[in-house]
Amino acid sequence: MQFLVMSRRKLESFPQDAFSELFDDEVAKAREFYGDGFTRQIWHRADNSGVCQIVEAASESEVREKLETLPFYRAGMLEIDVIGLKPYSGFGT
C-alpha cells in the first residue's frame, strides 16, 4: 500500500544549528529508505521546511515505525502526517 507522508521541521522550537548538526544523518537515513524501496518519491516542500514523499509499506503502523527512526524525529524536531492512499476510480473500472 502507498502512503503520502508530509513532514515539517519545527523551526519555531529549534534553531537552524540544531538541524545542521543532524543533517548528514537525516540524509543518510533518507537514502537508506530510498534504496530499500520504502521511499518511492520525495520532494522538498515549497510552503515550509520539510519534505513530502510517497512511501510503500504494508500498514500505516509500519510507515510510522520506520519514520520514527529519522534523526530529526528522534530529536523531537519533526512533525509527520501519514495519509493512506487508494487507487483513483475516475478512470474506469
PDB file of N, CA and C in Angstrom:
ATOM      1  N   MET A   1       0.844  -1.166   0.000  1.00  0.00           N
ATOM      2  CA  MET A   1       0.000   0.000   0.000  1.00  0.00           C
ATOM      3  C   MET A   1       0.895   1.235   0.000  1.00  0.00           C
ATOM      4  N   GLN A   2       0.413   2.291  -0.660  1.00  0.00           N
ATOM      5  CA  GLN A   2       1.192   3.520  -0.692  1.00  0.00           C
ATOM      6  C   GLN A   2       0.601   4.560   0.263  1.00  0.00           C
ATOM      7  N   PHE A   3       1.493   5.419   0.756  1.00  0.00           N
ATOM      8  CA  PHE A   3       1.123   6.454   1.715  1.00  0.00           C
ATOM      9  C   PHE A   3       1.776   7.760   1.313  1.00  0.00           C
ATOM     10  N   LEU A   4       1.063   8.853   1.550  1.00  0.00           N
ATOM     11  CA  LEU A   4       1.618  10.179   1.401  1.00  0.00           C
ATOM     12  C   LEU A   4       2.117  10.617   2.772  1.00  0.00           C
ATOM     13  N   VAL A   5       3.360  11.029   2.839  1.00  0.00           N
ATOM     14  CA  VAL A   5       3.947  11.482   4.100  1.00  0.00           C
ATOM     15  C   VAL A   5       4.319  12.950   3.945  1.00  0.00           C
ATOM     16  N   MET A   6       3.799  13.767   4.839  1.00  0.00           N
ATOM     17  CA  MET A   6       4.125  15.191   4.877  1.00  0.00           C
ATOM     18  C   MET A   6       4.855  15.449   6.193  1.00  0.00           C
ATOM     19  N   SER A   7       6.072  15.964   6.081  1.00  0.00           N
ATOM     20  CA  SER A   7       6.802  16.291   7.301  1.00  0.00           C
ATOM     21  C   SER A   7       7.105  17.782   7.340  1.00  0.00           C
ATOM     22  N   ARG A   8       7.277  18.285   8.552  1.00  0.00           N
ATOM     23  CA  ARG A   8       7.570  19.698   8.759  1.00  0.00           C
ATOM     24  C   ARG A   8       8.566  19.835   9.888  1.00  0.00           C
ATOM     25  N   ARG A   9       9.641  20.561   9.614  1.00  0.00           N
ATOM     26  CA  ARG A   9      10.611  20.857  10.670  1.00  0.00           C
ATOM     27  C   ARG A   9       9.992  21.848  11.652  1.00  0.00           C
ATOM     28  N   LYS A  10      10.226  21.633  12.930  1.00  0.00           N
ATOM     29  CA  LYS A  10       9.712  22.538  13.972  1.00  0.00           C
ATOM     30  C   LYS A  10      10.671  23.712  14.142  1.00  0.00           C
ATOM     31  N   LEU A  11      10.670  24.591  13.155  1.00  0.00           N
ATOM     32  CA  LEU A  11      11.587  25.732  13.147  1.00  0.00           C
ATOM     33  C   LEU A  11      11.289  26.729  14.260  1.00  0.00           C
ATOM     34  N   GLU A  12      10.049  26.740  14.734  1.00  0.00           N
ATOM     35  CA  GLU A  12       9.685  27.654  15.805  1.00  0.00           C
ATOM     36  C   GLU A  12      10.240  27.208  17.165  1.00  0.00           C
ATOM     37  N   SER A  13      10.655  25.954  17.255  1.00  0.00           N
ATOM     38  CA  SER A  13      11.141  25.406  18.530  1.00  0.00           C
ATOM     39  C   SER A  13      12.629  25.091  18.549  1.00  0.00           C
ATOM     40  N   PHE A  14      13.248  25.015  17.375  1.00  0.00           N
ATOM     41  CA  PHE A  14      14.652  24.630  17.293  1.00  0.00           C
ATOM     42  C   PHE A  14      15.408  25.573  16.368  1.00  0.00           C
ATOM     43  N   PRO A  15      16.623  25.973  16.765  1.00  0.00           N
ATOM     44  CA  PRO A  15      17.425  26.830  15.890  1.00  0.00           C
ATOM     45  C   PRO A  15      17.958  26.045  14.694  1.00  0.00           C
ATOM     46  N   GLN A  16      18.284  26.750  13.634  1.00  0.00           N
ATOM     47  CA  GLN A  16      18.804  26.108  12.427  1.00  0.00           C
ATOM     48  C   GLN A  16      20.039  25.266  12.727  1.00  0.00           C
ATOM     49  N   ASP A  17      20.880  25.701  13.673  1.00  0.00           N
ATOM     50  CA  ASP A  17      22.089  24.953  14.024  1.00  0.00           C
ATOM     51  C   ASP A  17      21.771  23.529  14.478  1.00  0.00           C
ATOM     52  N   ALA A  18      20.638  23.362  15.168  1.00  0.00           N
ATOM     53  CA  ALA A  18      20.250  22.032  15.644  1.00  0.00           C
ATOM     54  C   ALA A  18      19.984  21.105  14.464  1.00  0.00           C
ATOM     55  N   PHE A  19      19.357  21.634  13.419  1.00  0.00           N
ATOM     56  CA  PHE A  19      19.092  20.828  12.230  1.00  0.00           C
ATOM     57  C   PHE A  19      20.391  20.537  11.478  1.00  0.00           C
ATOM     58  N   SER A  20      21.270  21.527  11.422  1.00  0.00           N
ATOM     59  CA  SER A  20      22.545  21.351  10.721  1.00  0.00           C
ATOM     60  C   SER A  20      23.371  20.221  11.335  1.00  0.00           C
ATOM     61  N   GLU A  21      23.334  20.103  12.651  1.00  0.00           N
ATOM     62  CA  GLU A  21      24.098  19.061  13.341  1.00  0.00           C
ATOM     63  C   GLU A  21      23.652  17.658  12.950  1.00  0.00           C
ATOM     64  N   LEU A  22      22.370  17.483  12.673  1.00  0.00           N
ATOM     65  CA  LEU A  22      21.823  16.158  12.359  1.00  0.00           C
ATOM     66  C   LEU A  22      21.588  15.946  10.864  1.00  0.00           C
ATOM     67  N   PHE A  23      21.863  16.972  10.055  1.00  0.00           N
ATOM     68  CA  PHE A  23      21.513  16.929   8.638  1.00  0.00           C
ATOM     69  C   PHE A  23      22.116  15.735   7.898  1.00  0.00           C
ATOM     70  N   ASP A  24      23.405  15.486   8.051  1.00  0.00           N
ATOM     71  CA  ASP A  24      24.047  14.381   7.329  1.00  0.00           C
ATOM     72  C   ASP A  24      23.436  13.031   7.702  1.00  0.00           C
ATOM     73  N   ASP A  25      23.112  12.848   8.979  1.00  0.00           N
ATOM     74  CA  ASP A  25      22.480  11.603   9.415  1.00  0.00           C
ATOM     75  C   ASP A  25      21.068  11.469   8.845  1.00  0.00           C
ATOM     76  N   GLU A  26      20.351  12.591   8.766  1.00  0.00           N
ATOM     77  CA  GLU A  26      18.991  12.589   8.204  1.00  0.00           C
ATOM     78  C   GLU A  26      19.031  12.213   6.721  1.00  0.00           C
ATOM     79  N   VAL A  27      19.964  12.789   5.989  1.00  0.00           N
ATOM     80  CA  VAL A  27      20.117  12.492   4.560  1.00  0.00           C
ATOM     81  C   VAL A  27      20.503  11.023   4.361  1.00  0.00           C
ATOM     82  N   ALA A  28      21.385  10.515   5.193  1.00  0.00           N
ATOM     83  CA  ALA A  28      21.786   9.108   5.089  1.00  0.00           C
ATOM     84  C   ALA A  28      20.593   8.182   5.297  1.00  0.00           C
ATOM     85  N   LYS A  29      19.739   8.518   6.245  1.00  0.00           N
ATOM     86  CA  LYS A  29      18.545   7.701   6.503  1.00  0.00           C
ATOM     87  C   LYS A  29      17.583   7.779   5.325  1.00  0.00           C
ATOM     88  N   ALA A  30      17.425   8.973   4.748  1.00  0.00           N
ATOM     89  CA  ALA A  30      16.554   9.130   3.570  1.00  0.00           C
ATOM     90  C   ALA A  30      17.080   8.290   2.405  1.00  0.00           C
ATOM     91  N   ARG A  31      18.387   8.282   2.213  1.00  0.00           N
ATOM     92  CA  ARG A  31      18.971   7.452   1.145  1.00  0.00           C
ATOM     93  C   ARG A  31      18.737   5.966   1.412  1.00  0.00           C
ATOM     94  N   GLU A  32      18.840   5.574   2.667  1.00  0.00           N
ATOM     95  CA  GLU A  32      18.580   4.177   3.047  1.00  0.00           C
ATOM     96  C   GLU A  32      17.131   3.812   2.710  1.00  0.00           C
ATOM     97  N   PHE A  33      16.189   4.678   3.069  1.00  0.00           N
ATOM     98  CA  PHE A  33      14.773   4.426   2.778  1.00  0.00           C
ATOM     99  C   PHE A  33      14.537   4.284   1.281  1.00  0.00           C
ATOM    100  N   TYR A  34      15.195   5.129   0.491  1.00  0.00           N
ATOM    101  CA  TYR A  34      15.032   5.074  -0.964  1.00  0.00           C
ATOM    102  C   TYR A  34      15.652   3.790  -1.519  1.00  0.00           C
ATOM    103  N   GLY A  35      16.817   3.453  -1.050  1.00  0.00           N
ATOM    104  CA  GLY A  35      17.497   2.241  -1.502  1.00  0.00           C
ATOM    105  C   GLY A  35      16.739   0.972  -1.154  1.00  0.00           C
ATOM    106  N   ASP A  36      16.030   0.990  -0.032  1.00  0.00           N
ATOM    107  CA  ASP A  36      15.235  -0.167   0.405  1.00  0.00           C
ATOM    108  C   ASP A  36      13.903  -0.274  -0.334  1.00  0.00           C
ATOM    109  N   GLY A  37      13.539   0.750  -1.110  1.00  0.00           N
ATOM    110  CA  GLY A  37      12.252   0.736  -1.804  1.00  0.00           C
ATOM    111  C   GLY A  37      11.099   1.249  -0.958  1.00  0.00           C
ATOM    112  N   PHE A  38      11.392   1.698   0.255  1.00  0.00           N
ATOM    113  CA  PHE A  38      10.349   2.260   1.114  1.00  0.00           C
ATOM    114  C   PHE A  38       9.900   3.610   0.560  1.00  0.00           C
ATOM    115  N   THR A  39      10.838   4.516   0.326  1.00  0.00           N
ATOM    116  CA  THR A  39      10.529   5.808  -0.282  1.00  0.00           C
ATOM    117  C   THR A  39      10.531   5.629  -1.786  1.00  0.00           C
ATOM    118  N   ARG A  40       9.390   5.949  -2.409  1.00  0.00           N
ATOM    119  CA  ARG A  40       9.264   5.835  -3.864  1.00  0.00           C
ATOM    120  C   ARG A  40       9.579   7.160  -4.545  1.00  0.00           C
ATOM    121  N   GLN A  41       9.124   8.257  -3.956  1.00  0.00           N
ATOM    122  CA  GLN A  41       9.373   9.598  -4.484  1.00  0.00           C
ATOM    123  C   GLN A  41       9.476  10.541  -3.292  1.00  0.00           C
ATOM    124  N   ILE A  42      10.294  11.586  -3.450  1.00  0.00           N
ATOM    125  CA  ILE A  42      10.450  12.547  -2.354  1.00  0.00           C
ATOM    126  C   ILE A  42      10.723  13.928  -2.939  1.00  0.00           C
ATOM    127  N   TRP A  43      10.150  14.941  -2.298  1.00  0.00           N
ATOM    128  CA  TRP A  43      10.322  16.330  -2.715  1.00  0.00           C
ATOM    129  C   TRP A  43      10.501  17.201  -1.484  1.00  0.00           C
ATOM    130  N   HIS A  44      11.218  18.323  -1.639  1.00  0.00           N
ATOM    131  CA  HIS A  44      11.199  19.371  -0.620  1.00  0.00           C
ATOM    132  C   HIS A  44       9.883  20.116  -0.768  1.00  0.00           C
ATOM    133  N   ARG A  45       9.308  20.517   0.336  1.00  0.00           N
ATOM    134  CA  ARG A  45       8.076  21.302   0.300  1.00  0.00           C
ATOM    135  C   ARG A  45       8.411  22.760   0.013  1.00  0.00           C
ATOM    136  N   ALA A  46       7.645  23.400  -0.853  1.00  0.00           N
ATOM    137  CA  ALA A  46       7.850  24.812  -1.177  1.00  0.00           C
ATOM    138  C   ALA A  46       7.192  25.724  -0.142  1.00  0.00           C
ATOM    139  N   ASP A  47       6.219  25.182   0.632  1.00  0.00           N
ATOM    140  CA  ASP A  47       5.481  26.033   1.566  1.00  0.00           C
ATOM    141  C   ASP A  47       6.149  26.182   2.922  1.00  0.00           C
ATOM    142  N   ASN A  48       7.082  25.308   3.257  1.00  0.00           N
ATOM    143  CA  ASN A  48       7.813  25.410   4.527  1.00  0.00           C
ATOM    144  C   ASN A  48       9.019  24.480   4.478  1.00  0.00           C
ATOM    145  N   SER A  49       9.656  24.298   5.594  1.00  0.00           N
ATOM    146  CA  SER A  49      10.833  23.453   5.640  1.00  0.00           C
ATOM    147  C   SER A  49      10.436  22.029   6.012  1.00  0.00           C
ATOM    148  N   GLY A  50      10.464  21.164   5.051  1.00  0.00           N
ATOM    149  CA  GLY A  50      10.109  19.772   5.270  1.00  0.00           C
ATOM    150  C   GLY A  50      10.091  19.051   3.945  1.00  0.00           C
ATOM    151  N   VAL A  51       9.602  17.829   3.964  1.00  0.00           N
ATOM    152  CA  VAL A  51       9.506  17.057   2.730  1.00  0.00           C
ATOM    153  C   VAL A  51       8.120  16.454   2.595  1.00  0.00           C
ATOM    154  N   CYS A  52       7.819  16.083   1.372  1.00  0.00           N
ATOM    155  CA  CYS A  52       6.619  15.340   1.024  1.00  0.00           C
ATOM    156  C   CYS A  52       7.120  14.114   0.288  1.00  0.00           C
ATOM    157  N   GLN A  53       6.615  12.949   0.646  1.00  0.00           N
ATOM    158  CA  GLN A  53       7.086  11.745  -0.027  1.00  0.00           C
ATOM    159  C   GLN A  53       5.983  10.707  -0.167  1.00  0.00           C
ATOM    160  N   ILE A  54       6.152   9.874  -1.161  1.00  0.00           N
ATOM    161  CA  ILE A  54       5.312   8.700  -1.344  1.00  0.00           C
ATOM    162  C   ILE A  54       6.130   7.516  -0.856  1.00  0.00           C
ATOM    163  N   VAL A  55       5.558   6.763   0.071  1.00  0.00           N
ATOM    164  CA  VAL A  55       6.250   5.586   0.602  1.00  0.00           C
ATOM    165  C   VAL A  55       5.371   4.357   0.403  1.00  0.00           C
ATOM    166  N   GLU A  56       6.000   3.198   0.492  1.00  0.00           N
ATOM    167  CA  GLU A  56       5.266   1.942   0.324  1.00  0.00           C
ATOM    168  C   GLU A  56       5.540   1.041   1.521  1.00  0.00           C
ATOM    169  N   ALA A  57       4.442   0.536   2.109  1.00  0.00           N
ATOM    170  CA  ALA A  57       4.537  -0.349   3.265  1.00  0.00           C
ATOM    171  C   ALA A  57       3.241  -1.132   3.392  1.00  0.00           C
ATOM    172  N   ALA A  58       3.261  -2.138   4.242  1.00  0.00           N
ATOM    173  CA  ALA A  58       2.079  -2.975   4.437  1.00  0.00           C
ATOM    174  C   ALA A  58       0.999  -2.285   5.266  1.00  0.00           C
ATOM    175  N   SER A  59       1.403  -1.327   6.126  1.00  0.00           N
ATOM    176  CA  SER A  59       0.432  -0.684   7.012  1.00  0.00           C
ATOM    177  C   SER A  59       0.940   0.684   7.448  1.00  0.00           C
ATOM    178  N   GLU A  60       0.018   1.482   7.952  1.00  0.00           N
ATOM    179  CA  GLU A  60       0.401   2.793   8.482  1.00  0.00           C
ATOM    180  C   GLU A  60       1.342   2.639   9.671  1.00  0.00           C
ATOM    181  N   SER A  61       1.116   1.639  10.487  1.00  0.00           N
ATOM    182  CA  SER A  61       1.992   1.448  11.645  1.00  0.00           C
ATOM    183  C   SER A  61       3.422   1.133  11.203  1.00  0.00           C
ATOM    184  N   GLU A  62       3.573   0.388  10.113  1.00  0.00           N
ATOM    185  CA  GLU A  62       4.908   0.111   9.580  1.00  0.00           C
ATOM    186  C   GLU A  62       5.570   1.405   9.095  1.00  0.00           C
ATOM    187  N   VAL A  63       4.786   2.256   8.447  1.00  0.00           N
ATOM    188  CA  VAL A  63       5.309   3.548   7.982  1.00  0.00           C
ATOM    189  C   VAL A  63       5.797   4.361   9.176  1.00  0.00           C
ATOM    190  N   ARG A  64       4.961   4.464  10.186  1.00  0.00           N
ATOM    191  CA  ARG A  64       5.321   5.274  11.363  1.00  0.00           C
ATOM    192  C   ARG A  64       6.551   4.708  12.082  1.00  0.00           C
ATOM    193  N   GLU A  65       6.620   3.393  12.220  1.00  0.00           N
ATOM    194  CA  GLU A  65       7.792   2.781  12.870  1.00  0.00           C
ATOM    195  C   GLU A  65       9.076   3.151  12.138  1.00  0.00           C
ATOM    196  N   LYS A  66       9.030   3.095  10.831  1.00  0.00           N
ATOM    197  CA  LYS A  66      10.215   3.408  10.030  1.00  0.00           C
ATOM    198  C   LYS A  66      10.570   4.893  10.151  1.00  0.00           C
ATOM    199  N   LEU A  67       9.566   5.767  10.015  1.00  0.00           N
ATOM    200  CA  LEU A  67       9.820   7.204  10.073  1.00  0.00           C
ATOM    201  C   LEU A  67      10.308   7.652  11.444  1.00  0.00           C
ATOM    202  N   GLU A  68       9.922   6.942  12.479  1.00  0.00           N
ATOM    203  CA  GLU A  68      10.357   7.293  13.831  1.00  0.00           C
ATOM    204  C   GLU A  68      11.847   7.055  14.052  1.00  0.00           C
ATOM    205  N   THR A  69      12.522   6.435  13.077  1.00  0.00           N
ATOM    206  CA  THR A  69      13.974   6.252  13.171  1.00  0.00           C
ATOM    207  C   THR A  69      14.738   7.435  12.580  1.00  0.00           C
ATOM    208  N   LEU A  70      14.023   8.387  11.951  1.00  0.00           N
ATOM    209  CA  LEU A  70      14.694   9.560  11.397  1.00  0.00           C
ATOM    210  C   LEU A  70      15.334  10.383  12.519  1.00  0.00           C
ATOM    211  N   PRO A  71      16.563  10.823  12.335  1.00  0.00           N
ATOM    212  CA  PRO A  71      17.234  11.600  13.384  1.00  0.00           C
ATOM    213  C   PRO A  71      16.473  12.854  13.813  1.00  0.00           C
ATOM    214  N   PHE A  72      15.900  13.604  12.871  1.00  0.00           N
ATOM    215  CA  PHE A  72      15.124  14.792  13.245  1.00  0.00           C
ATOM    216  C   PHE A  72      13.923  14.404  14.099  1.00  0.00           C
ATOM    217  N   TYR A  73      13.260  13.318  13.739  1.00  0.00           N
ATOM    218  CA  TYR A  73      12.089  12.888  14.505  1.00  0.00           C
ATOM    219  C   TYR A  73      12.499  12.439  15.908  1.00  0.00           C
ATOM    220  N   ARG A  74      13.557  11.649  15.991  1.00  0.00           N
ATOM    221  CA  ARG A  74      14.025  11.158  17.301  1.00  0.00           C
ATOM    222  C   ARG A  74      14.390  12.309  18.231  1.00  0.00           C
ATOM    223  N   ALA A  75      14.860  13.418  17.647  1.00  0.00           N
ATOM    224  CA  ALA A  75      15.238  14.586  18.447  1.00  0.00           C
ATOM    225  C   ALA A  75      14.039  15.483  18.758  1.00  0.00           C
ATOM    226  N   GLY A  76      12.840  15.101  18.293  1.00  0.00           N
ATOM    227  CA  GLY A  76      11.637  15.895  18.547  1.00  0.00           C
ATOM    228  C   GLY A  76      11.522  17.116  17.663  1.00  0.00           C
ATOM    229  N   MET A  77      12.278  17.152  16.572  1.00  0.00           N
ATOM    230  CA  MET A  77      12.366  18.325  15.705  1.00  0.00           C
ATOM    231  C   MET A  77      11.491  18.246  14.465  1.00  0.00           C
ATOM    232  N   LEU A  78      10.680  17.186  14.345  1.00  0.00           N
ATOM    233  CA  LEU A  78       9.943  16.948  13.113  1.00  0.00           C
ATOM    234  C   LEU A  78       8.515  16.518  13.416  1.00  0.00           C
ATOM    235  N   GLU A  79       7.551  17.121  12.723  1.00  0.00           N
ATOM    236  CA  GLU A  79       6.158  16.666  12.742  1.00  0.00           C
ATOM    237  C   GLU A  79       5.916  15.846  11.486  1.00  0.00           C
ATOM    238  N   ILE A  80       5.185  14.756  11.614  1.00  0.00           N
ATOM    239  CA  ILE A  80       4.923  13.884  10.467  1.00  0.00           C
ATOM    240  C   ILE A  80       3.437  13.559  10.398  1.00  0.00           C
ATOM    241  N   ASP A  81       2.856  13.735   9.196  1.00  0.00           N
ATOM    242  CA  ASP A  81       1.496  13.296   8.908  1.00  0.00           C
ATOM    243  C   ASP A  81       1.576  12.170   7.886  1.00  0.00           C
ATOM    244  N   VAL A  82       0.819  11.102   8.115  1.00  0.00           N
ATOM    245  CA  VAL A  82       0.786   9.949   7.216  1.00  0.00           C
ATOM    246  C   VAL A  82      -0.638   9.777   6.720  1.00  0.00           C
ATOM    247  N   ILE A  83      -0.793   9.724   5.394  1.00  0.00           N
ATOM    248  CA  ILE A  83      -2.111   9.597   4.780  1.00  0.00           C
ATOM    249  C   ILE A  83      -2.111   8.376   3.862  1.00  0.00           C
ATOM    250  N   GLY A  84      -2.971   7.409   4.133  1.00  0.00           N
ATOM    251  CA  GLY A  84      -3.101   6.235   3.276  1.00  0.00           C
ATOM    252  C   GLY A  84      -3.709   6.619   1.941  1.00  0.00           C
ATOM    253  N   LEU A  85      -3.237   6.002   0.871  1.00  0.00           N
ATOM    254  CA  LEU A  85      -3.730   6.275  -0.473  1.00  0.00           C
ATOM    255  C   LEU A  85      -4.430   5.051  -1.045  1.00  0.00           C
ATOM    256  N   LYS A  86      -5.411   5.293  -1.899  1.00  0.00           N
ATOM    257  CA  LYS A  86      -6.091   4.196  -2.599  1.00  0.00           C
ATOM    258  C   LYS A  86      -6.202   4.582  -4.057  1.00  0.00           C
ATOM    259  N   PRO A  87      -6.408   3.622  -4.933  1.00  0.00           N
ATOM    260  CA  PRO A  87      -6.471   3.926  -6.373  1.00  0.00           C
ATOM    261  C   PRO A  87      -7.586   4.910  -6.708  1.00  0.00           C
ATOM    262  N   TYR A  88      -7.317   5.752  -7.669  1.00  0.00           N
ATOM    263  CA  TYR A  88      -8.298   6.713  -8.168  1.00  0.00           C
ATOM    264  C   TYR A  88      -9.288   5.958  -9.052  1.00  0.00           C
ATOM    265  N   SER A  89     -10.578   6.143  -8.809  1.00  0.00           N
ATOM    266  CA  SER A  89     -11.591   5.382  -9.548  1.00  0.00           C
ATOM    267  C   SER A  89     -12.149   6.132 -10.754  1.00  0.00           C
ATOM    268  N   GLY A  90     -11.696   7.328 -11.017  1.00  0.00           N
ATOM    269  CA  GLY A  90     -12.274   8.146 -12.065  1.00  0.00           C
ATOM    270  C   GLY A  90     -11.897   7.761 -13.485  1.00  0.00           C
ATOM    271  N   PHE A  91     -10.958   6.851 -13.647  1.00  0.00           N
ATOM    272  CA  PHE A  91     -10.526   6.464 -14.990  1.00  0.00           C
ATOM    273  C   PHE A  91     -11.171   5.186 -15.494  1.00  0.00           C
ATOM    274  N   GLY A  92     -12.131   4.656 -14.772  1.00  0.00           N
ATOM    275  CA  GLY A  92     -12.820   3.439 -15.208  1.00  0.00           C
ATOM    276  C   GLY A  92     -12.791   2.372 -14.148  1.00  0.00           C
ATOM    277  N   THR A  93     -13.185   1.168 -14.566  1.00  0.00           N
ATOM    278  CA  THR A  93     -13.298   0.072 -13.610  1.00  0.00           C
ATOM    279  C   THR A  93     -12.013  -0.597 -13.282  1.00  0.00           C
TER     280      THR A  93
END
